[in-house]
């Protein structure tokens, strides 16, 4: 069984891409709401990184307003 550090180091997200007419649609399968598109595969991949950042930022802001946590700290993993 993996410890927390080993699990986080091994954690990978799945980017799913689909060619739709002249565009590439992209999403992160494990995180609802992370969707984007691009004129090229590379653009869709870059846009997906931005979409993931935005969804995580908005979720954090919503959580701050809703949960009334008495303590917060930055949680960083590589």
Protein backbone atom coordinates (compact mmCIF):
# COMPACT_ATOMS: atom_id res chain seq x y z
CA UNK A 1 0.00 0.00 0.00
CA UNK A 2 1.30 3.44 -0.93
CA UNK A 3 1.78 6.12 1.70
CA UNK A 4 0.37 9.59 1.06
CA UNK A 5 3.64 10.96 -0.36
CA UNK A 6 4.07 8.02 -2.73
CA UNK A 7 0.43 8.22 -3.81
CA UNK A 8 0.67 11.92 -4.61
CA UNK A 9 3.92 11.44 -6.51
CA UNK A 10 2.23 8.75 -8.62
CA UNK A 11 -1.04 10.62 -9.13
CA UNK A 12 -1.73 11.37 -12.75
CA UNK A 13 -4.79 12.88 -14.37
CA UNK A 14 -6.26 11.70 -17.65
CA UNK A 15 -6.59 14.21 -20.47
CA UNK A 16 -9.16 13.07 -23.04
CA UNK A 17 -9.18 14.56 -26.55
CA UNK A 18 -11.69 14.25 -29.36
CA UNK A 19 -11.52 15.69 -32.87
CA UNK A 20 -14.82 17.46 -33.62
CA UNK A 21 -14.98 18.89 -37.14
CA UNK A 22 -12.08 21.37 -37.31
CA UNK A 23 -11.60 21.58 -33.52
CA UNK A 24 -10.13 19.47 -30.75
CA UNK A 25 -12.29 19.08 -27.63
CA UNK A 26 -10.43 18.29 -24.41
CA UNK A 27 -11.30 17.42 -20.82
CA UNK A 28 -9.78 16.07 -17.62
CA UNK A 29 -11.69 12.88 -16.87
CA UNK A 30 -11.16 12.87 -13.11
CA UNK A 31 -12.31 16.45 -12.43
CA UNK A 32 -15.83 17.45 -13.47
CA UNK A 33 -16.09 20.76 -15.28
CA UNK A 34 -12.60 20.82 -16.80
CA UNK A 35 -13.38 21.11 -20.51
CA UNK A 36 -11.99 23.22 -23.33
CA UNK A 37 -11.21 23.21 -27.03
CA UNK A 38 -8.56 24.32 -29.49
CA UNK A 39 -8.02 24.74 -33.19
CA UNK A 40 -5.07 22.34 -32.93
CA UNK A 41 -4.25 19.45 -30.62
CA UNK A 42 -1.44 21.50 -29.05
CA UNK A 43 -3.73 24.48 -28.47
CA UNK A 44 -6.33 22.22 -26.85
CA UNK A 45 -3.65 20.77 -24.55
CA UNK A 46 -2.46 24.26 -23.54
CA UNK A 47 -6.05 25.42 -23.01
CA UNK A 48 -6.70 22.35 -20.87
CA UNK A 49 -3.95 23.38 -18.45
CA UNK A 50 -5.57 26.81 -18.14
CA UNK A 51 -9.04 25.27 -17.70
CA UNK A 52 -7.75 23.05 -14.89
CA UNK A 53 -6.16 26.01 -13.11
CA UNK A 54 -9.36 28.04 -13.42
CA UNK A 55 -11.63 25.26 -12.13
CA UNK A 56 -9.37 24.65 -9.13
CA UNK A 57 -9.19 28.38 -8.38
CA UNK A 58 -12.97 28.83 -8.58
CA UNK A 59 -13.55 25.72 -6.44
CA UNK A 60 -11.16 27.11 -3.82
CA UNK A 61 -12.92 30.49 -3.80
CA UNK A 62 -16.34 28.84 -3.44
CA UNK A 63 -15.08 26.61 -0.64
CA UNK A 64 -13.65 29.61 1.22
CA UNK A 65 -17.06 31.28 1.16
CA UNK A 66 -19.06 28.17 2.06
CA UNK A 67 -17.13 26.11 4.58
CA UNK A 68 -15.95 28.69 7.13
CA UNK A 69 -12.69 26.89 7.84
CA UNK A 70 -10.86 28.17 10.90
CA UNK A 71 -7.47 27.40 9.40
CA UNK A 72 -6.09 27.15 5.89
CA UNK A 73 -2.68 26.31 4.52
CA UNK A 74 -1.17 25.87 1.11
CA UNK A 75 -0.94 22.22 0.11
CA UNK A 76 1.79 21.62 -2.44
CA UNK A 77 2.79 18.37 -4.05
CA UNK A 78 5.09 17.64 -6.95
